[in-house]
Protein backbone atom coordinates (compact mmCIF):
# COMPACT_ATOMS: atom_id res chain seq x y z
CA MET A 1 -16.84 -23.50 13.64
CA THR A 2 -17.00 -20.11 15.38
CA ILE A 3 -15.28 -17.35 13.40
CA LEU A 4 -12.95 -15.26 15.57
CA ILE A 5 -11.24 -12.07 14.36
CA VAL A 6 -8.25 -10.98 16.44
CA ALA A 7 -7.00 -7.47 15.69
CA LEU A 8 -3.39 -7.07 16.83
CA GLY A 9 -2.28 -3.59 17.81
CA GLY A 10 1.07 -2.07 16.88
CA ASN A 11 2.57 -3.14 20.22
CA ALA A 12 2.26 -6.76 19.07
CA LEU A 13 5.42 -6.06 17.09
CA ILE A 14 7.02 -2.94 18.58
CA ARG A 15 6.80 -2.14 22.28
CA PHE A 16 6.90 1.41 23.59
CA GLY A 17 10.49 2.63 23.74
CA GLU A 18 11.89 -0.04 21.38
CA GLU A 19 13.73 0.71 18.15
CA GLY A 20 11.63 -1.73 16.18
CA THR A 21 14.44 -4.00 15.03
CA THR A 22 13.54 -7.20 13.21
CA GLU A 23 14.68 -9.23 16.21
CA GLU A 24 12.46 -7.21 18.57
CA GLN A 25 9.43 -7.60 16.34
CA PHE A 26 9.81 -11.36 15.99
CA ARG A 27 10.30 -11.72 19.74
CA ASN A 28 7.24 -9.61 20.54
CA LEU A 29 5.06 -11.51 18.08
CA ARG A 30 5.67 -14.74 19.94
CA VAL A 31 3.37 -13.58 22.78
CA PRO A 32 0.13 -13.23 20.78
CA ILE A 33 0.88 -15.82 18.10
CA SER A 34 1.53 -18.62 20.60
CA GLN A 35 -1.96 -17.99 21.99
CA LEU A 36 -3.55 -17.77 18.53
CA ALA A 37 -2.00 -21.07 17.47
CA GLU A 38 -3.68 -22.72 20.47
CA LEU A 39 -6.98 -20.97 19.73
CA SER A 40 -6.97 -22.27 16.16
CA LYS A 41 -7.95 -25.66 17.64
CA ASP A 42 -11.38 -24.27 18.52
CA PHE A 43 -11.95 -21.29 16.21
CA SER A 44 -11.86 -20.39 12.54
CA LEU A 45 -9.30 -17.63 12.88
CA ILE A 46 -8.77 -14.33 11.07
CA ILE A 47 -5.79 -12.23 12.18
CA THR A 48 -5.70 -8.52 11.38
CA HIS A 49 -2.97 -6.12 12.43
CA GLY A 50 -1.91 -2.51 12.62
CA ASN A 51 1.06 -0.94 10.87
CA GLY A 52 1.42 2.51 12.44
CA PRO A 53 5.08 2.21 13.49
CA GLN A 54 6.13 0.32 10.36
CA VAL A 55 4.45 2.53 7.76
CA GLY A 56 5.77 5.61 9.53
CA MET A 57 9.29 4.23 9.43
CA LEU A 58 9.01 3.49 5.70
CA LEU A 59 7.85 7.06 5.16
CA MET A 60 10.85 8.37 7.11
CA GLN A 61 13.24 6.15 5.17
CA GLN A 62 12.15 7.46 1.80
CA GLU A 63 12.18 11.05 3.06
CA ALA A 64 15.78 10.60 4.22
CA THR A 65 17.23 10.42 0.71
CA SER A 66 16.60 11.91 -2.72
CA GLU A 67 18.21 8.97 -4.49
CA VAL A 68 15.11 6.77 -4.55
CA SER A 69 11.71 7.51 -6.02
CA LYS A 70 8.99 8.42 -3.54
CA ARG A 71 6.08 6.04 -3.11
CA PRO A 72 2.63 7.20 -1.98
CA LEU A 73 1.28 6.22 1.43
CA GLN A 74 -1.12 3.61 0.07
CA VAL A 75 1.80 1.76 -1.54
CA LEU A 76 3.72 1.86 1.73
CA VAL A 77 0.65 0.32 3.42
CA ALA A 78 0.76 -2.50 0.84
CA GLU A 79 4.46 -3.01 1.61
CA THR A 80 3.72 -3.37 5.32
CA GLN A 81 1.01 -5.95 4.56
CA GLY A 82 3.68 -8.14 2.99
CA GLN A 83 6.31 -7.38 5.61
CA ILE A 84 4.14 -8.02 8.67
CA GLY A 85 2.24 -10.85 6.98
CA TYR A 86 5.55 -12.66 6.50
CA MET A 87 6.52 -12.13 10.14
CA ILE A 88 3.16 -13.39 11.42
CA GLU A 89 3.23 -16.41 9.08
CA SER A 90 6.77 -17.35 10.06
CA THR A 91 6.00 -17.16 13.78
CA LEU A 92 2.66 -18.94 13.34
CA ASP A 93 4.34 -21.76 11.43
CA GLU A 94 6.75 -22.36 14.30
CA GLU A 95 4.00 -22.26 16.93
CA LEU A 96 1.75 -24.64 14.99
CA MET A 97 4.65 -27.07 14.68
CA ARG A 98 5.31 -26.76 18.42
CA ILE A 99 1.78 -27.94 19.27
CA GLY A 100 1.52 -30.46 16.44
CA LEU A 101 -1.03 -28.63 14.30
CA ASP A 102 1.17 -27.80 11.32
CA GLU A 103 -0.42 -30.55 9.20
CA GLU A 104 -3.99 -29.55 10.15
CA ARG A 105 -3.89 -25.76 9.83
CA LEU A 106 -3.08 -23.85 6.66
CA PHE A 107 -2.46 -20.12 6.64
CA ILE A 108 -2.30 -17.33 4.09
CA THR A 109 -1.85 -13.56 3.98
CA VAL A 110 -4.46 -11.89 1.80
CA LEU A 111 -3.46 -8.58 0.21
CA THR A 112 -6.46 -6.49 1.22
CA TYR A 113 -7.73 -3.22 -0.16
CA VAL A 114 -10.56 -1.21 1.31
CA LYS A 115 -13.05 1.21 -0.19
CA VAL A 116 -13.18 4.68 1.37
CA ASP A 117 -15.26 7.77 0.60
CA PRO A 118 -13.24 10.48 -1.19
CA GLN A 119 -15.40 13.04 0.62
CA ASP A 120 -14.65 11.63 4.06
CA PRO A 121 -13.90 14.61 6.37
CA ALA A 122 -10.91 12.70 7.76
CA PHE A 123 -8.92 13.80 4.69
CA HIS A 124 -9.07 17.34 6.10
CA ASN A 125 -8.55 16.34 9.74
CA PRO A 126 -5.65 13.87 10.16
CA THR A 127 -5.84 11.86 13.41
CA LYS A 128 -4.04 8.55 12.77
CA PRO A 129 -0.62 8.40 14.50
CA ILE A 130 2.16 6.66 12.59
CA GLY A 131 5.88 6.20 13.05
CA PRO A 132 7.90 6.64 16.25
CA ALA A 133 6.92 8.78 19.23
CA TYR A 134 9.16 11.59 20.48
CA ASP A 135 9.43 13.22 23.90
CA GLU A 136 9.81 16.71 22.40
CA PRO A 137 7.61 18.54 19.86
CA LYS A 138 8.52 18.28 16.17
CA PRO A 139 7.16 20.38 13.29
CA GLY A 140 3.97 18.87 11.91
CA TYR A 141 3.67 16.37 14.77
CA VAL A 142 0.91 16.27 17.42
CA GLN A 143 0.94 15.13 21.03
CA THR A 144 -0.55 11.68 21.63
CA ALA A 145 -0.75 9.38 24.64
CA LYS A 146 2.65 7.93 23.63
CA GLY A 147 4.40 11.21 22.78
CA TRP A 148 4.74 13.48 19.74
CA ARG A 149 3.86 11.64 16.52
CA ARG A 150 3.11 12.32 12.90
CA VAL A 151 -0.60 11.96 12.05
CA VAL A 152 -2.19 11.18 8.68
CA PRO A 153 -5.79 11.00 7.36
CA SER A 154 -7.77 7.95 8.48
CA PRO A 155 -11.05 7.66 6.52
CA LYS A 156 -13.73 5.17 7.57
CA PRO A 157 -13.73 1.80 5.77
CA LYS A 158 -16.80 1.26 3.59
CA LYS A 159 -16.10 -2.17 2.11
CA ILE A 160 -13.42 -4.86 2.26
CA TYR A 161 -12.99 -5.94 -1.35
CA GLN A 162 -11.54 -9.40 -0.60
CA TRP A 163 -14.31 -10.42 1.80
CA ARG A 164 -15.65 -13.15 -0.51
CA GLU A 165 -12.27 -14.87 -0.77
CA ILE A 166 -11.80 -14.69 3.00
CA LYS A 167 -15.31 -16.01 3.68
CA ARG A 168 -14.72 -18.89 1.28
CA LEU A 169 -11.54 -19.87 3.12
CA MET A 170 -13.45 -19.82 6.40
CA GLU A 171 -16.09 -22.11 4.89
CA LEU A 172 -13.46 -24.57 3.67
CA GLY A 173 -12.16 -25.00 7.21
CA GLY A 174 -8.62 -25.41 8.46
CA TRP A 175 -7.45 -22.00 7.24
CA ILE A 176 -5.98 -19.14 9.29
CA VAL A 177 -6.29 -15.93 7.29
CA ILE A 178 -4.16 -12.83 7.83
CA ALA A 179 -6.00 -9.85 6.33
CA CYS A 180 -6.71 -6.12 6.56
CA GLY A 181 -3.05 -5.47 7.36
CA GLY A 182 -2.60 -1.88 8.50
CA GLY A 183 -6.33 -1.41 8.06
CA GLY A 184 -6.09 -2.31 4.37
CA ILE A 185 -4.93 -0.38 1.32
CA PRO A 186 -7.27 2.64 0.99
CA VAL A 187 -8.87 2.96 -2.45
CA ILE A 188 -11.63 4.94 -4.09
CA LYS A 189 -13.70 3.87 -7.10
CA GLU A 190 -13.46 6.06 -10.18
CA GLY A 191 -15.75 4.60 -12.83
CA LYS A 192 -14.56 1.03 -13.29
CA ARG A 193 -11.13 1.71 -11.82
CA LEU A 194 -9.85 1.58 -8.23
CA SER A 195 -7.32 4.25 -7.27
CA GLY A 196 -5.27 4.35 -4.09
CA VAL A 197 -5.40 7.39 -1.81
CA GLU A 198 -2.94 8.84 0.71
CA ALA A 199 -4.25 7.59 4.05
CA VAL A 200 -3.99 4.85 6.69
CA ILE A 201 -7.26 3.16 7.68
CA ASP A 202 -7.78 2.25 11.31
CA LYS A 203 -7.29 -1.52 11.57
CA ASP A 204 -9.96 -1.95 14.26
CA LEU A 205 -12.67 -0.30 12.17
CA ALA A 206 -11.54 -2.33 9.14
CA SER A 207 -11.65 -5.52 11.25
CA SER A 208 -15.19 -4.70 12.34
CA LYS A 209 -16.26 -4.13 8.74
CA LEU A 210 -14.64 -7.42 7.68
CA GLY A 211 -16.42 -9.18 10.54
CA GLU A 212 -19.73 -7.78 9.32
CA GLN A 213 -19.10 -8.92 5.75
CA VAL A 214 -17.93 -12.48 6.52
CA GLY A 215 -20.37 -13.06 9.40
CA ALA A 216 -17.77 -13.36 12.17
CA ASP A 217 -18.98 -14.31 15.64
CA ILE A 218 -16.34 -12.69 17.85
CA LEU A 219 -14.15 -9.60 17.49
CA LEU A 220 -11.23 -9.34 19.92
CA ILE A 221 -9.06 -6.22 19.82
CA ALA A 222 -5.66 -6.79 21.41
CA THR A 223 -3.87 -3.66 22.56
CA ASP A 224 -1.49 -2.49 25.32
CA VAL A 225 -4.00 -2.37 28.21
CA GLU A 226 -5.92 -5.25 29.75
CA LYS A 227 -9.17 -3.31 30.12
CA VAL A 228 -10.80 -0.14 28.85
CA ALA A 229 -10.85 2.67 31.41
CA LEU A 230 -12.77 5.83 32.14
CA HIS A 231 -10.63 8.86 33.07
CA TYR A 232 -7.59 6.97 31.75
CA GLY A 233 -4.32 7.97 33.42
CA LYS A 234 -6.03 10.19 36.01
CA PRO A 235 -6.41 9.68 39.78
CA ASN A 236 -10.07 8.71 39.31
CA GLN A 237 -9.31 6.14 36.58
CA ARG A 238 -11.83 3.27 36.56
CA PHE A 239 -11.46 0.05 34.57
CA LEU A 240 -14.52 -1.45 32.89
CA GLU A 241 -15.33 -5.17 32.76
CA ARG A 242 -18.75 -5.28 31.07
CA VAL A 243 -20.15 -2.47 28.96
CA SER A 244 -23.42 -2.28 27.01
CA ILE A 245 -23.53 -0.65 23.59
CA SER A 246 -25.59 2.24 24.97
CA GLU A 247 -23.05 2.81 27.75
CA ALA A 248 -20.16 2.65 25.27
CA LYS A 249 -21.81 5.27 23.06
CA LYS A 250 -22.38 7.51 26.08
CA TYR A 251 -18.74 7.24 27.21
CA LEU A 252 -17.55 7.84 23.64
CA ASN A 253 -19.65 11.00 23.33
CA GLU A 254 -18.35 12.21 26.69
CA GLY A 255 -14.78 12.09 25.34
CA HIS A 256 -13.43 9.23 27.46
CA PHE A 257 -11.98 7.47 24.39
CA PRO A 258 -9.89 9.84 22.24
CA PRO A 259 -9.48 9.54 18.44
CA GLY A 260 -6.26 7.88 17.34
CA SER A 261 -6.27 5.83 20.56
CA MET A 262 -9.14 3.99 22.31
CA GLY A 263 -11.88 5.83 20.38
CA PRO A 264 -11.73 3.77 17.15
CA LYS A 265 -11.51 0.55 19.16
CA VAL A 266 -14.72 1.27 21.05
CA GLU A 267 -16.38 2.47 17.85
CA ALA A 268 -15.32 -0.77 16.14
CA VAL A 269 -16.87 -3.04 18.77
CA ILE A 270 -20.09 -1.00 18.71
CA ASN A 271 -20.30 -1.33 14.92
CA PHE A 272 -19.53 -5.05 15.08
CA LEU A 273 -22.25 -5.85 17.62
CA GLU A 274 -24.83 -3.64 15.93
CA LYS A 275 -24.22 -5.51 12.65
CA GLY A 276 -24.85 -8.95 14.14
CA GLY A 277 -21.62 -9.90 15.93
CA LYS A 278 -22.14 -12.04 19.04
CA ARG A 279 -19.19 -11.02 21.25
CA ALA A 280 -16.71 -8.14 21.31
CA ILE A 281 -13.71 -7.81 23.63
CA ILE A 282 -10.88 -5.33 24.15
CA THR A 283 -7.89 -6.63 26.10
CA SER A 284 -4.10 -6.74 26.18
CA ILE A 285 -1.81 -8.67 23.87
CA GLU A 286 -0.84 -10.95 26.78
CA LYS A 287 -4.44 -11.79 27.77
CA ILE A 288 -6.04 -12.87 24.48
CA LYS A 289 -6.72 -16.46 25.57
CA ASP A 290 -7.80 -15.42 29.08
CA ALA A 291 -10.21 -12.83 27.68
CA LEU A 292 -11.96 -15.41 25.51
CA GLU A 293 -12.41 -17.48 28.67
CA GLU A 294 -13.85 -14.34 30.38
CA LYS A 295 -10.91 -14.13 32.80
CA ALA A 296 -9.68 -10.74 31.51
CA GLY A 297 -10.57 -7.81 29.27
CA THR A 298 -13.52 -5.50 28.77
CA HIS A 299 -16.53 -7.33 27.33
CA PHE A 300 -19.15 -5.47 25.31
CA TYR A 301 -22.75 -6.60 24.88
CA VAL A 302 -25.86 -5.44 23.04
CA LYS A 303 -28.22 -4.72 25.96
């Protein structure tokens, strides 16, 4: 069966302007998960997800008091893998029961850690937005498309350590795997020991790397816009429907897709297709099923 990786953006759980309550996150998840439950009839499905708002909130919570011990960023990433994995599983279970597939589809959240290079220049140039966005400047925050946000290092993923386990589940059939949560827990190898590092890996780049390692056929990145655009937000904005790899590289080099926003998404689909992936799509959370039927989204191709 065709292996499909769907990478859910942060807005799958928390919409712009929301507080991020548990009720809001469960309600928002219903939109993509109802579609993914249906798609599990025809695809071997891997779900990955971001954690920018959630990991940022955990960081703020522990900074708000001196009465609890401080945990490093990589541990907070691991916490969000469990937190969001539970929310996806719970919603998926309900949706599979709704369409009568609860006896045919099994699902599991795989705690995923990812190798990064300790010399990655990203450690000296933080670009990954996390936590809430503010209308006014705050010390140490930078302006993003959604407002002023804290940014942290985001090194490139070199290897997904649990790829063999995930590939085996795909081969068994009937499994939906939730993996690479928040881009995965960033680790470096020191001799025979893995050590976590303070960073948040981009979930789209991690999804592309996982797709390469397990031999996925399709990578679909679900975000808050239906299509990728040139001159985004400007009077001459132009949405793209079909883009070749060479065109995508050209637009990326011209600065149309900024880091911390659309840039890593476009880079991820380029990497995926260059490593043997068959299809790559960027679309909105609401249009996942339509995009796979070529009724929505921006579709990338090799030539």
